[in-house]
N, C-alpha and C. Protein backbone atom coordinates (compact mmCIF):
# COMPACT_ATOMS: atom_id res chain seq x y z
N MET A 1 -18.07 42.61 28.58
CA MET A 1 -16.92 42.59 27.70
C MET A 1 -16.09 41.33 27.91
N LYS A 2 -15.86 41.05 29.22
CA LYS A 2 -15.05 39.87 29.55
C LYS A 2 -15.73 38.59 29.06
N SER A 3 -17.04 38.51 29.14
CA SER A 3 -17.76 37.31 28.69
C SER A 3 -17.67 37.15 27.18
N LYS A 4 -17.62 38.26 26.42
CA LYS A 4 -17.47 38.17 24.96
C LYS A 4 -16.10 37.63 24.59
N VAL A 5 -15.07 38.02 25.31
CA VAL A 5 -13.71 37.53 25.05
C VAL A 5 -13.65 36.04 25.35
N VAL A 6 -14.21 35.64 26.49
CA VAL A 6 -14.21 34.22 26.87
C VAL A 6 -15.02 33.42 25.85
N PHE A 7 -16.19 33.94 25.46
CA PHE A 7 -17.01 33.24 24.47
C PHE A 7 -16.25 33.11 23.14
N GLY A 8 -15.60 34.20 22.70
CA GLY A 8 -14.83 34.16 21.46
C GLY A 8 -13.69 33.16 21.55
N PHE A 9 -13.01 33.12 22.67
CA PHE A 9 -11.91 32.17 22.91
C PHE A 9 -12.42 30.74 22.81
N ILE A 10 -13.55 30.46 23.45
CA ILE A 10 -14.14 29.12 23.43
C ILE A 10 -14.60 28.76 22.01
N ALA A 11 -15.21 29.71 21.32
CA ALA A 11 -15.70 29.45 19.96
C ALA A 11 -14.55 29.11 19.02
N VAL A 12 -13.46 29.86 19.11
CA VAL A 12 -12.30 29.59 18.25
C VAL A 12 -11.75 28.20 18.54
N HIS A 13 -11.63 27.84 19.81
CA HIS A 13 -11.10 26.53 20.16
C HIS A 13 -12.04 25.39 19.76
N LEU A 14 -13.33 25.63 19.81
CA LEU A 14 -14.29 24.61 19.35
C LEU A 14 -14.16 24.39 17.84
N VAL A 15 -14.01 25.46 17.09
CA VAL A 15 -13.85 25.34 15.64
C VAL A 15 -12.56 24.56 15.32
N ILE A 16 -11.47 24.90 16.00
CA ILE A 16 -10.20 24.19 15.79
C ILE A 16 -10.36 22.72 16.15
N ALA A 17 -11.00 22.44 17.29
CA ALA A 17 -11.20 21.05 17.71
C ALA A 17 -12.08 20.29 16.72
N LEU A 18 -13.08 20.96 16.19
CA LEU A 18 -13.97 20.33 15.22
C LEU A 18 -13.20 19.92 13.96
N PHE A 19 -12.39 20.84 13.42
CA PHE A 19 -11.65 20.53 12.21
C PHE A 19 -10.56 19.50 12.43
N THR A 20 -9.81 19.62 13.49
CA THR A 20 -8.73 18.65 13.73
C THR A 20 -9.30 17.31 14.15
N GLY A 21 -10.38 17.31 14.90
CA GLY A 21 -11.00 16.05 15.32
C GLY A 21 -11.59 15.29 14.16
N CYS A 22 -12.25 15.98 13.25
CA CYS A 22 -12.84 15.33 12.08
C CYS A 22 -11.75 14.76 11.18
N ALA A 23 -10.68 15.51 11.01
CA ALA A 23 -9.59 15.03 10.15
C ALA A 23 -8.95 13.80 10.76
N ALA A 24 -8.78 13.79 12.07
CA ALA A 24 -8.12 12.66 12.72
C ALA A 24 -8.99 11.42 12.70
N GLN A 25 -10.32 11.60 12.75
CA GLN A 25 -11.21 10.45 12.82
C GLN A 25 -11.69 10.00 11.44
N GLN A 26 -11.37 10.74 10.42
CA GLN A 26 -11.82 10.38 9.08
C GLN A 26 -11.20 9.05 8.69
N SER A 27 -12.03 8.09 8.31
CA SER A 27 -11.49 6.80 7.89
C SER A 27 -11.27 6.84 6.39
N TYR A 28 -10.13 6.34 5.97
CA TYR A 28 -9.79 6.34 4.55
C TYR A 28 -9.93 4.93 4.03
N THR A 29 -10.83 4.75 3.09
CA THR A 29 -11.04 3.44 2.49
C THR A 29 -9.98 3.21 1.42
N PRO A 30 -9.24 2.09 1.54
CA PRO A 30 -8.22 1.81 0.51
C PRO A 30 -8.84 1.70 -0.87
N LEU A 31 -8.09 2.14 -1.87
CA LEU A 31 -8.52 2.00 -3.26
C LEU A 31 -8.33 0.55 -3.70
N THR A 32 -9.19 0.10 -4.59
CA THR A 32 -9.02 -1.23 -5.17
C THR A 32 -8.12 -1.13 -6.39
N PHE A 33 -7.59 -2.26 -6.83
CA PHE A 33 -6.80 -2.27 -8.05
C PHE A 33 -7.66 -1.82 -9.23
N GLU A 34 -8.92 -2.21 -9.21
CA GLU A 34 -9.83 -1.81 -10.29
C GLU A 34 -9.94 -0.29 -10.37
N GLN A 35 -10.07 0.37 -9.22
CA GLN A 35 -10.15 1.83 -9.20
C GLN A 35 -8.85 2.47 -9.71
N LEU A 36 -7.72 1.97 -9.21
CA LEU A 36 -6.42 2.52 -9.62
C LEU A 36 -6.16 2.36 -11.11
N PHE A 37 -6.41 1.16 -11.63
CA PHE A 37 -6.08 0.88 -13.03
C PHE A 37 -7.14 1.36 -14.01
N ALA A 38 -8.35 1.66 -13.54
CA ALA A 38 -9.39 2.20 -14.42
C ALA A 38 -9.02 3.60 -14.89
N ASN A 39 -8.34 4.35 -14.01
CA ASN A 39 -7.94 5.71 -14.36
C ASN A 39 -6.68 6.08 -13.58
N PRO A 40 -5.54 5.46 -13.91
CA PRO A 40 -4.32 5.70 -13.12
C PRO A 40 -3.85 7.15 -13.17
N ALA A 41 -4.14 7.88 -14.25
CA ALA A 41 -3.72 9.28 -14.35
C ALA A 41 -4.39 10.13 -13.26
N LYS A 42 -5.58 9.75 -12.85
CA LYS A 42 -6.31 10.48 -11.80
C LYS A 42 -5.54 10.46 -10.48
N TYR A 43 -4.80 9.37 -10.23
CA TYR A 43 -4.09 9.21 -8.96
C TYR A 43 -2.60 9.51 -9.08
N ASN A 44 -2.14 9.86 -10.28
CA ASN A 44 -0.72 10.10 -10.51
C ASN A 44 -0.18 11.18 -9.57
N SER A 45 0.93 10.87 -8.91
CA SER A 45 1.61 11.78 -7.98
C SER A 45 0.78 12.11 -6.74
N LYS A 46 -0.24 11.31 -6.47
CA LYS A 46 -1.06 11.51 -5.28
C LYS A 46 -0.76 10.41 -4.26
N THR A 47 -1.07 10.70 -3.01
CA THR A 47 -0.93 9.70 -1.96
C THR A 47 -2.19 8.84 -1.95
N VAL A 48 -2.01 7.54 -2.07
CA VAL A 48 -3.12 6.59 -2.07
C VAL A 48 -2.87 5.52 -1.02
N THR A 49 -3.92 4.81 -0.68
CA THR A 49 -3.82 3.65 0.19
C THR A 49 -4.40 2.47 -0.56
N VAL A 50 -3.71 1.34 -0.51
CA VAL A 50 -4.16 0.13 -1.19
C VAL A 50 -3.84 -1.07 -0.31
N GLU A 51 -4.72 -2.06 -0.33
CA GLU A 51 -4.48 -3.34 0.33
C GLU A 51 -4.22 -4.36 -0.76
N ALA A 52 -3.10 -5.07 -0.63
CA ALA A 52 -2.72 -5.98 -1.70
C ALA A 52 -1.73 -7.00 -1.18
N PHE A 53 -1.41 -7.97 -2.04
CA PHE A 53 -0.38 -8.95 -1.72
C PHE A 53 0.97 -8.37 -2.12
N TYR A 54 1.92 -8.46 -1.21
CA TYR A 54 3.27 -8.00 -1.45
C TYR A 54 4.11 -9.21 -1.81
N PHE A 55 4.89 -9.09 -2.87
CA PHE A 55 5.78 -10.18 -3.30
C PHE A 55 7.16 -9.60 -3.51
N HIS A 56 8.15 -10.17 -2.81
CA HIS A 56 9.54 -9.75 -2.96
C HIS A 56 10.34 -10.98 -3.38
N GLY A 57 10.76 -10.97 -4.62
CA GLY A 57 11.53 -12.09 -5.15
C GLY A 57 12.67 -11.59 -6.01
N TRP A 58 13.24 -12.48 -6.78
CA TRP A 58 14.36 -12.14 -7.64
C TRP A 58 13.92 -11.07 -8.64
N GLU A 59 14.49 -9.88 -8.55
CA GLU A 59 14.22 -8.76 -9.44
C GLU A 59 12.75 -8.34 -9.49
N THR A 60 12.00 -8.70 -8.46
CA THR A 60 10.57 -8.37 -8.42
C THR A 60 10.17 -7.94 -7.01
N ILE A 61 9.70 -6.72 -6.90
CA ILE A 61 9.15 -6.21 -5.63
C ILE A 61 7.84 -5.52 -6.01
N VAL A 62 6.73 -6.23 -5.83
CA VAL A 62 5.45 -5.74 -6.34
C VAL A 62 4.31 -5.94 -5.36
N LEU A 63 3.25 -5.20 -5.61
CA LEU A 63 1.94 -5.45 -5.03
C LEU A 63 1.12 -6.09 -6.12
N SER A 64 0.32 -7.09 -5.74
CA SER A 64 -0.54 -7.75 -6.73
C SER A 64 -1.95 -7.88 -6.18
N GLU A 65 -2.88 -8.08 -7.11
CA GLU A 65 -4.29 -8.26 -6.74
C GLU A 65 -4.47 -9.54 -5.94
N THR A 66 -3.83 -10.60 -6.40
CA THR A 66 -3.96 -11.91 -5.76
C THR A 66 -2.63 -12.64 -5.86
N ILE A 67 -2.58 -13.78 -5.22
CA ILE A 67 -1.46 -14.70 -5.38
C ILE A 67 -2.05 -16.06 -5.73
N LYS A 68 -1.24 -16.88 -6.41
CA LYS A 68 -1.72 -18.19 -6.84
C LYS A 68 -0.56 -19.17 -6.81
N PRO A 69 -0.87 -20.46 -6.75
CA PRO A 69 0.19 -21.46 -6.85
C PRO A 69 0.86 -21.36 -8.23
N SER A 70 2.19 -21.45 -8.24
CA SER A 70 2.91 -21.33 -9.51
C SER A 70 2.79 -22.57 -10.37
N GLY A 71 2.63 -23.73 -9.73
CA GLY A 71 2.60 -24.98 -10.48
C GLY A 71 3.97 -25.57 -10.70
N TYR A 72 5.02 -24.87 -10.29
CA TYR A 72 6.39 -25.34 -10.48
C TYR A 72 6.92 -26.14 -9.30
N ALA A 73 6.39 -25.88 -8.10
CA ALA A 73 6.82 -26.60 -6.90
C ALA A 73 5.67 -26.57 -5.91
N PRO A 74 5.50 -27.64 -5.14
CA PRO A 74 4.40 -27.67 -4.16
C PRO A 74 4.48 -26.49 -3.18
N GLY A 75 3.36 -25.80 -3.05
CA GLY A 75 3.27 -24.69 -2.11
C GLY A 75 3.88 -23.39 -2.59
N HIS A 76 4.48 -23.37 -3.76
CA HIS A 76 5.12 -22.14 -4.26
C HIS A 76 4.06 -21.18 -4.79
N LEU A 77 4.11 -19.93 -4.32
CA LEU A 77 3.12 -18.92 -4.69
C LEU A 77 3.76 -17.80 -5.50
N VAL A 78 2.98 -17.25 -6.42
CA VAL A 78 3.44 -16.14 -7.25
C VAL A 78 2.33 -15.09 -7.34
N PRO A 79 2.71 -13.83 -7.63
CA PRO A 79 1.69 -12.78 -7.79
C PRO A 79 0.89 -13.00 -9.07
N GLU A 80 -0.36 -12.55 -9.04
CA GLU A 80 -1.24 -12.71 -10.20
C GLU A 80 -2.07 -11.44 -10.37
N GLY A 81 -2.40 -11.14 -11.60
CA GLY A 81 -3.23 -9.97 -11.90
C GLY A 81 -2.39 -8.74 -12.14
N LYS A 82 -3.00 -7.60 -11.99
CA LYS A 82 -2.29 -6.34 -12.18
C LYS A 82 -1.22 -6.19 -11.10
N LEU A 83 -0.10 -5.56 -11.48
CA LEU A 83 1.03 -5.42 -10.58
C LEU A 83 1.43 -3.96 -10.42
N ILE A 84 1.86 -3.60 -9.20
CA ILE A 84 2.37 -2.27 -8.90
C ILE A 84 3.78 -2.43 -8.35
N TRP A 85 4.77 -1.82 -8.99
CA TRP A 85 6.14 -1.86 -8.49
C TRP A 85 6.19 -1.11 -7.16
N VAL A 86 6.92 -1.66 -6.17
CA VAL A 86 7.08 -1.02 -4.86
C VAL A 86 8.47 -0.40 -4.83
N GLU A 87 8.53 0.91 -4.95
CA GLU A 87 9.80 1.62 -4.98
C GLU A 87 10.34 1.82 -3.56
N GLY A 88 11.55 1.38 -3.35
CA GLY A 88 12.19 1.59 -2.05
C GLY A 88 11.89 0.52 -1.02
N GLY A 89 11.06 -0.46 -1.34
CA GLY A 89 10.78 -1.55 -0.41
C GLY A 89 9.91 -1.12 0.75
N ILE A 90 9.92 -1.97 1.79
CA ILE A 90 9.09 -1.75 2.98
C ILE A 90 9.99 -1.80 4.21
N PRO A 91 9.50 -1.34 5.36
CA PRO A 91 10.32 -1.37 6.57
C PRO A 91 10.77 -2.79 6.94
N LYS A 92 12.00 -2.90 7.43
CA LYS A 92 12.59 -4.20 7.77
C LYS A 92 11.76 -4.96 8.81
N GLU A 93 11.22 -4.26 9.79
CA GLU A 93 10.45 -4.95 10.84
C GLU A 93 9.20 -5.62 10.28
N ILE A 94 8.64 -5.10 9.20
CA ILE A 94 7.51 -5.75 8.54
C ILE A 94 8.01 -6.82 7.58
N PHE A 95 9.05 -6.52 6.82
CA PHE A 95 9.63 -7.49 5.89
C PHE A 95 10.01 -8.78 6.62
N ASP A 96 10.58 -8.66 7.81
CA ASP A 96 11.00 -9.84 8.57
C ASP A 96 9.84 -10.71 9.05
N LYS A 97 8.62 -10.19 9.04
CA LYS A 97 7.44 -10.94 9.48
C LYS A 97 6.70 -11.62 8.31
N LEU A 98 7.15 -11.38 7.08
CA LEU A 98 6.47 -11.94 5.93
C LEU A 98 6.73 -13.44 5.81
N TYR A 99 5.81 -14.12 5.13
CA TYR A 99 5.95 -15.54 4.82
C TYR A 99 7.17 -15.72 3.92
N VAL A 100 8.01 -16.73 4.23
CA VAL A 100 9.23 -16.99 3.46
C VAL A 100 9.04 -18.27 2.67
N GLN A 101 9.37 -18.22 1.38
CA GLN A 101 9.35 -19.44 0.56
C GLN A 101 10.69 -19.58 -0.15
N ARG A 102 11.13 -20.83 -0.26
CA ARG A 102 12.44 -21.11 -0.87
C ARG A 102 12.36 -22.25 -1.89
N GLN A 103 11.18 -22.63 -2.33
CA GLN A 103 11.01 -23.77 -3.22
C GLN A 103 11.71 -23.61 -4.56
N MET A 104 11.83 -22.40 -5.06
CA MET A 104 12.32 -22.19 -6.42
C MET A 104 13.71 -21.55 -6.47
N GLY A 105 14.45 -21.61 -5.38
CA GLY A 105 15.79 -21.03 -5.42
C GLY A 105 15.92 -19.88 -4.45
N PRO A 106 16.16 -18.66 -4.95
CA PRO A 106 16.35 -17.54 -4.04
C PRO A 106 15.12 -17.36 -3.14
N GLU A 107 15.38 -16.93 -1.93
CA GLU A 107 14.30 -16.70 -0.96
C GLU A 107 13.33 -15.65 -1.50
N GLU A 108 12.05 -15.90 -1.29
CA GLU A 108 11.00 -14.95 -1.67
C GLU A 108 10.15 -14.67 -0.43
N ARG A 109 9.61 -13.48 -0.36
CA ARG A 109 8.75 -13.09 0.76
C ARG A 109 7.39 -12.69 0.22
N ILE A 110 6.35 -13.11 0.96
CA ILE A 110 4.98 -12.79 0.57
C ILE A 110 4.21 -12.37 1.81
N GLY A 111 3.34 -11.39 1.65
CA GLY A 111 2.48 -10.96 2.73
C GLY A 111 1.33 -10.14 2.21
N LYS A 112 0.36 -9.95 3.05
CA LYS A 112 -0.77 -9.06 2.73
C LYS A 112 -0.51 -7.77 3.48
N LEU A 113 -0.54 -6.65 2.74
CA LEU A 113 -0.20 -5.36 3.33
C LEU A 113 -1.24 -4.30 3.02
N ARG A 114 -1.28 -3.32 3.88
CA ARG A 114 -1.97 -2.06 3.59
C ARG A 114 -0.85 -1.04 3.44
N ILE A 115 -0.74 -0.46 2.25
CA ILE A 115 0.33 0.49 1.97
C ILE A 115 -0.27 1.84 1.60
N LYS A 116 0.25 2.85 2.26
CA LYS A 116 -0.08 4.23 1.91
C LYS A 116 1.20 4.82 1.31
N GLY A 117 1.08 5.46 0.17
CA GLY A 117 2.26 6.04 -0.44
C GLY A 117 1.94 6.81 -1.70
N LYS A 118 3.00 7.35 -2.27
CA LYS A 118 2.87 8.13 -3.51
C LYS A 118 2.74 7.19 -4.69
N PHE A 119 1.65 7.33 -5.42
CA PHE A 119 1.36 6.52 -6.60
C PHE A 119 1.86 7.27 -7.83
N GLU A 120 2.53 6.55 -8.73
CA GLU A 120 3.01 7.19 -9.96
C GLU A 120 2.63 6.33 -11.16
N TYR A 121 2.30 7.03 -12.23
CA TYR A 121 1.86 6.40 -13.46
C TYR A 121 2.43 7.19 -14.64
N GLY A 122 2.73 6.46 -15.71
CA GLY A 122 3.13 7.14 -16.93
C GLY A 122 4.60 7.00 -17.28
N GLY A 123 5.37 6.36 -16.42
CA GLY A 123 6.78 6.15 -16.71
C GLY A 123 7.07 4.67 -16.82
N LYS A 124 8.34 4.36 -16.78
CA LYS A 124 8.79 2.97 -16.77
C LYS A 124 9.49 2.76 -15.43
N TYR A 125 8.93 1.89 -14.61
CA TYR A 125 9.40 1.74 -13.24
C TYR A 125 9.91 0.31 -13.01
N GLY A 126 10.68 0.17 -11.95
CA GLY A 126 11.11 -1.16 -11.53
C GLY A 126 12.23 -1.73 -12.36
N HIS A 127 12.39 -3.03 -12.21
CA HIS A 127 13.46 -3.75 -12.88
C HIS A 127 13.33 -3.60 -14.40
N VAL A 128 14.36 -3.09 -15.03
CA VAL A 128 14.43 -2.80 -16.47
C VAL A 128 13.19 -2.09 -17.01
N GLY A 129 12.57 -1.26 -16.17
CA GLY A 129 11.42 -0.47 -16.61
C GLY A 129 10.22 -1.29 -17.00
N GLY A 130 10.05 -2.45 -16.37
CA GLY A 130 9.00 -3.37 -16.75
C GLY A 130 7.61 -3.09 -16.20
N PHE A 131 7.44 -1.98 -15.47
CA PHE A 131 6.15 -1.69 -14.85
C PHE A 131 5.69 -0.29 -15.21
N ASP A 132 4.39 -0.14 -15.44
CA ASP A 132 3.81 1.15 -15.82
C ASP A 132 3.40 2.00 -14.61
N VAL A 133 3.30 1.37 -13.44
CA VAL A 133 2.88 2.08 -12.22
C VAL A 133 3.79 1.68 -11.07
N GLN A 134 3.89 2.59 -10.10
CA GLN A 134 4.64 2.27 -8.89
C GLN A 134 4.06 3.02 -7.71
N ILE A 135 4.40 2.54 -6.52
CA ILE A 135 4.05 3.21 -5.29
C ILE A 135 5.31 3.30 -4.44
N THR A 136 5.51 4.46 -3.82
CA THR A 136 6.61 4.66 -2.89
C THR A 136 5.99 4.75 -1.51
N PRO A 137 6.13 3.69 -0.69
CA PRO A 137 5.44 3.63 0.59
C PRO A 137 5.88 4.70 1.59
N SER A 138 4.90 5.25 2.31
CA SER A 138 5.18 6.13 3.44
C SER A 138 4.69 5.48 4.74
N GLU A 139 3.67 4.62 4.63
CA GLU A 139 3.16 3.86 5.78
C GLU A 139 2.85 2.45 5.30
N VAL A 140 3.23 1.46 6.12
CA VAL A 140 3.00 0.05 5.76
C VAL A 140 2.48 -0.68 6.98
N GLU A 141 1.40 -1.43 6.77
CA GLU A 141 0.81 -2.23 7.85
C GLU A 141 0.67 -3.67 7.37
N LEU A 142 1.09 -4.61 8.20
CA LEU A 142 0.97 -6.03 7.89
C LEU A 142 -0.45 -6.48 8.21
N LEU A 143 -1.08 -7.17 7.26
CA LEU A 143 -2.44 -7.71 7.44
C LEU A 143 -2.36 -9.23 7.48
N PRO A 144 -3.39 -9.90 8.00
CA PRO A 144 -3.38 -11.37 8.00
C PRO A 144 -3.32 -11.92 6.58
N LEU A 145 -2.50 -12.95 6.38
CA LEU A 145 -2.33 -13.59 5.07
C LEU A 145 -3.09 -14.89 5.05
N SER A 146 -3.94 -15.05 4.05
CA SER A 146 -4.64 -16.30 3.82
C SER A 146 -4.33 -16.77 2.41
N PRO A 147 -3.17 -17.42 2.23
CA PRO A 147 -2.79 -17.84 0.87
C PRO A 147 -3.69 -18.95 0.34
N PRO A 148 -3.77 -19.08 -0.97
CA PRO A 148 -4.55 -20.18 -1.55
C PRO A 148 -3.91 -21.51 -1.22
N ARG A 149 -4.69 -22.55 -1.23
CA ARG A 149 -4.16 -23.90 -0.92
C ARG A 149 -3.65 -24.56 -2.16
């Protein structure tokens, strides 16, 4: 009888360890912009992870597919491609580590980030409602930045 109780106790703990261990070790592959924009309704109100370029400038706080030289000043970079409004910004400790550019007036920040957060589609988001999608970050990680030359 005692061995059945011990065996049952061990079996229950193994099952719990199996489920919690698998969940903790599961790697989540970030979604691409192509995946998000191909069917944004599929991800609406869901938590997603995306790796993208973060751009914080005058009235613009977005994630973009790429960045490119603006052509207006040497070394000045701007977001390019599809854009996702970043609602609420990012943590200050990460913001302070971003690349700073001042060529065109107000300070702008650029970095490569991995952002996990709530994705929303179907409304008007950001500055004067100029964006169709947004993400509200819950986790933000700074990635190495390799800007174009």
